[in-house]
Amino acid sequence: MSSIFDAVTNTVDEYKKQAAMVKFNFLYSIFVIYQTCVCP
């Protein structure tokens, strides 16, 4: 029982890490596009 719970917890942790990375990359790309297009 605990092993299944551990596996789910690990999966959720990995998902949160990847989601944070994706969000960061998304915001960073918007920032770069803003810098290049709006304020050359």
PDB file of N, CA and C in Angstrom:
ATOM      1  N   MET A   1       0.836  -1.202   0.000  1.00  0.00           N
ATOM      2  CA  MET A   1       0.000   0.000   0.000  1.00  0.00           C
ATOM      3  C   MET A   1       0.871   1.252   0.000  1.00  0.00           C
ATOM      4  N   SER A   2       1.860   1.265   0.868  1.00  0.00           N
ATOM      5  CA  SER A   2       2.697   2.459   0.970  1.00  0.00           C
ATOM      6  C   SER A   2       3.535   2.652  -0.285  1.00  0.00           C
ATOM      7  N   SER A   3       3.923   1.556  -0.940  1.00  0.00           N
ATOM      8  CA  SER A   3       4.749   1.687  -2.145  1.00  0.00           C
ATOM      9  C   SER A   3       3.960   2.365  -3.264  1.00  0.00           C
ATOM     10  N   ILE A   4       2.683   2.021  -3.382  1.00  0.00           N
ATOM     11  CA  ILE A   4       1.838   2.666  -4.383  1.00  0.00           C
ATOM     12  C   ILE A   4       1.712   4.156  -4.065  1.00  0.00           C
ATOM     13  N   PHE A   5       1.512   4.454  -2.785  1.00  0.00           N
ATOM     14  CA  PHE A   5       1.391   5.852  -2.371  1.00  0.00           C
ATOM     15  C   PHE A   5       2.676   6.612  -2.662  1.00  0.00           C
ATOM     16  N   ASP A   6       3.825   5.967  -2.388  1.00  0.00           N
ATOM     17  CA  ASP A   6       5.115   6.598  -2.674  1.00  0.00           C
ATOM     18  C   ASP A   6       5.268   6.861  -4.167  1.00  0.00           C
ATOM     19  N   ALA A   7       4.866   5.887  -4.979  1.00  0.00           N
ATOM     20  CA  ALA A   7       4.988   6.051  -6.427  1.00  0.00           C
ATOM     21  C   ALA A   7       4.132   7.223  -6.901  1.00  0.00           C
ATOM     22  N   VAL A   8       2.925   7.325  -6.383  1.00  0.00           N
ATOM     23  CA  VAL A   8       2.039   8.425  -6.767  1.00  0.00           C
ATOM     24  C   VAL A   8       2.637   9.754  -6.325  1.00  0.00           C
ATOM     25  N   THR A   9       3.170   9.786  -5.108  1.00  0.00           N
ATOM     26  CA  THR A   9       3.771  11.022  -4.597  1.00  0.00           C
ATOM     27  C   THR A   9       4.948  11.444  -5.463  1.00  0.00           C
ATOM     28  N   ASN A  10       5.799  10.483  -5.827  1.00  0.00           N
ATOM     29  CA  ASN A  10       6.952  10.794  -6.677  1.00  0.00           C
ATOM     30  C   ASN A  10       6.493  11.317  -8.033  1.00  0.00           C
ATOM     31  N   THR A  11       5.464  10.690  -8.589  1.00  0.00           N
ATOM     32  CA  THR A  11       4.953  11.117  -9.888  1.00  0.00           C
ATOM     33  C   THR A  11       4.421  12.543  -9.806  1.00  0.00           C
ATOM     34  N   VAL A  12       3.692  12.842  -8.747  1.00  0.00           N
ATOM     35  CA  VAL A  12       3.137  14.186  -8.578  1.00  0.00           C
ATOM     36  C   VAL A  12       4.265  15.201  -8.416  1.00  0.00           C
ATOM     37  N   ASP A  13       5.296  14.831  -7.644  1.00  0.00           N
ATOM     38  CA  ASP A  13       6.435  15.737  -7.467  1.00  0.00           C
ATOM     39  C   ASP A  13       7.107  16.023  -8.804  1.00  0.00           C
ATOM     40  N   GLU A  14       7.331  14.973  -9.600  1.00  0.00           N
ATOM     41  CA  GLU A  14       7.953  15.156 -10.911  1.00  0.00           C
ATOM     42  C   GLU A  14       7.084  16.050 -11.787  1.00  0.00           C
ATOM     43  N   TYR A  15       5.773  15.822 -11.742  1.00  0.00           N
ATOM     44  CA  TYR A  15       4.862  16.621 -12.551  1.00  0.00           C
ATOM     45  C   TYR A  15       4.926  18.085 -12.140  1.00  0.00           C
ATOM     46  N   LYS A  16       4.971  18.335 -10.826  1.00  0.00           N
ATOM     47  CA  LYS A  16       5.048  19.715 -10.353  1.00  0.00           C
ATOM     48  C   LYS A  16       6.342  20.368 -10.811  1.00  0.00           C
ATOM     49  N   LYS A  17       7.453  19.621 -10.748  1.00  0.00           N
ATOM     50  CA  LYS A  17       8.737  20.176 -11.193  1.00  0.00           C
ATOM     51  C   LYS A  17       8.670  20.537 -12.672  1.00  0.00           C
ATOM     52  N   GLN A  18       8.135  19.608 -13.479  1.00  0.00           N
ATOM     53  CA  GLN A  18       8.068  19.858 -14.917  1.00  0.00           C
ATOM     54  C   GLN A  18       7.125  21.017 -15.218  1.00  0.00           C
ATOM     55  N   ALA A  19       6.015  21.090 -14.492  1.00  0.00           N
ATOM     56  CA  ALA A  19       5.069  22.184 -14.711  1.00  0.00           C
ATOM     57  C   ALA A  19       5.721  23.522 -14.370  1.00  0.00           C
ATOM     58  N   ALA A  20       6.502  23.547 -13.296  1.00  0.00           N
ATOM     59  CA  ALA A  20       7.195  24.781 -12.920  1.00  0.00           C
ATOM     60  C   ALA A  20       8.204  25.174 -13.992  1.00  0.00           C
ATOM     61  N   MET A  21       8.940  24.188 -14.525  1.00  0.00           N
ATOM     62  CA  MET A  21       9.908  24.471 -15.584  1.00  0.00           C
ATOM     63  C   MET A  21       9.208  24.999 -16.828  1.00  0.00           C
ATOM     64  N   VAL A  22       8.097  24.373 -17.194  1.00  0.00           N
ATOM     65  CA  VAL A  22       7.363  24.806 -18.386  1.00  0.00           C
ATOM     66  C   VAL A  22       6.859  26.233 -18.198  1.00  0.00           C
ATOM     67  N   LYS A  23       6.325  26.508 -17.008  1.00  0.00           N
ATOM     68  CA  LYS A  23       5.827  27.856 -16.731  1.00  0.00           C
ATOM     69  C   LYS A  23       6.960  28.870 -16.805  1.00  0.00           C
ATOM     70  N   PHE A  24       8.107  28.520 -16.234  1.00  0.00           N
ATOM     71  CA  PHE A  24       9.252  29.424 -16.251  1.00  0.00           C
ATOM     72  C   PHE A  24       9.717  29.670 -17.683  1.00  0.00           C
ATOM     73  N   ASN A  25       9.826  28.596 -18.473  1.00  0.00           N
ATOM     74  CA  ASN A  25      10.271  28.743 -19.862  1.00  0.00           C
ATOM     75  C   ASN A  25       9.284  29.591 -20.659  1.00  0.00           C
ATOM     76  N   PHE A  26       7.997  29.394 -20.394  1.00  0.00           N
ATOM     77  CA  PHE A  26       6.962  30.158 -21.089  1.00  0.00           C
ATOM     78  C   PHE A  26       7.096  31.645 -20.764  1.00  0.00           C
ATOM     79  N   LEU A  27       7.209  31.966 -19.478  1.00  0.00           N
ATOM     80  CA  LEU A  27       7.339  33.368 -19.082  1.00  0.00           C
ATOM     81  C   LEU A  27       8.631  33.969 -19.614  1.00  0.00           C
ATOM     82  N   TYR A  28       9.697  33.175 -19.595  1.00  0.00           N
ATOM     83  CA  TYR A  28      10.982  33.675 -20.075  1.00  0.00           C
ATOM     84  C   TYR A  28      10.923  33.971 -21.567  1.00  0.00           C
ATOM     85  N   SER A  29      10.274  33.099 -22.329  1.00  0.00           N
ATOM     86  CA  SER A  29      10.174  33.338 -23.770  1.00  0.00           C
ATOM     87  C   SER A  29       9.323  34.575 -24.054  1.00  0.00           C
ATOM     88  N   ILE A  30       8.268  34.774 -23.272  1.00  0.00           N
ATOM     89  CA  ILE A  30       7.465  35.989 -23.437  1.00  0.00           C
ATOM     90  C   ILE A  30       8.316  37.223 -23.145  1.00  0.00           C
ATOM     91  N   PHE A  31       9.128  37.138 -22.084  1.00  0.00           N
ATOM     92  CA  PHE A  31      10.007  38.252 -21.723  1.00  0.00           C
ATOM     93  C   PHE A  31      10.984  38.551 -22.855  1.00  0.00           C
ATOM     94  N   VAL A  32      11.577  37.511 -23.429  1.00  0.00           N
ATOM     95  CA  VAL A  32      12.543  37.691 -24.521  1.00  0.00           C
ATOM     96  C   VAL A  32      11.857  38.304 -25.739  1.00  0.00           C
ATOM     97  N   ILE A  33      10.681  37.787 -26.082  1.00  0.00           N
ATOM     98  CA  ILE A  33       9.947  38.334 -27.229  1.00  0.00           C
ATOM     99  C   ILE A  33       9.596  39.796 -26.969  1.00  0.00           C
ATOM    100  N   TYR A  34       9.176  40.097 -25.745  1.00  0.00           N
ATOM    101  CA  TYR A  34       8.853  41.481 -25.390  1.00  0.00           C
ATOM    102  C   TYR A  34      10.077  42.378 -25.549  1.00  0.00           C
ATOM    103  N   GLN A  35      11.215  41.911 -25.053  1.00  0.00           N
ATOM    104  CA  GLN A  35      12.446  42.696 -25.147  1.00  0.00           C
ATOM    105  C   GLN A  35      12.840  42.922 -26.607  1.00  0.00           C
ATOM    106  N   THR A  36      12.710  41.886 -27.442  1.00  0.00           N
ATOM    107  CA  THR A  36      13.154  42.013 -28.831  1.00  0.00           C
ATOM    108  C   THR A  36      12.190  42.849 -29.652  1.00  0.00           C
ATOM    109  N   CYS A  37      10.890  42.686 -29.428  1.00  0.00           N
ATOM    110  CA  CYS A  37       9.917  43.358 -30.290  1.00  0.00           C
ATOM    111  C   CYS A  37       9.569  44.754 -29.797  1.00  0.00           C
ATOM    112  N   VAL A  38       9.380  44.904 -28.491  1.00  0.00           N
ATOM    113  CA  VAL A  38       8.856  46.164 -27.969  1.00  0.00           C
ATOM    114  C   VAL A  38       9.977  47.144 -27.648  1.00  0.00           C
ATOM    115  N   CYS A  39      11.039  46.644 -27.026  1.00  0.00           N
ATOM    116  CA  CYS A  39      12.139  47.527 -26.632  1.00  0.00           C
ATOM    117  C   CYS A  39      13.439  47.076 -27.284  1.00  0.00           C
ATOM    118  N   PRO A  40      13.645  47.381 -28.555  1.00  0.00           N
ATOM    119  CA  PRO A  40      14.869  46.912 -29.222  1.00  0.00           C
ATOM    120  C   PRO A  40      16.111  47.667 -28.743  1.00  0.00           C
TER     121      PRO A  40
END
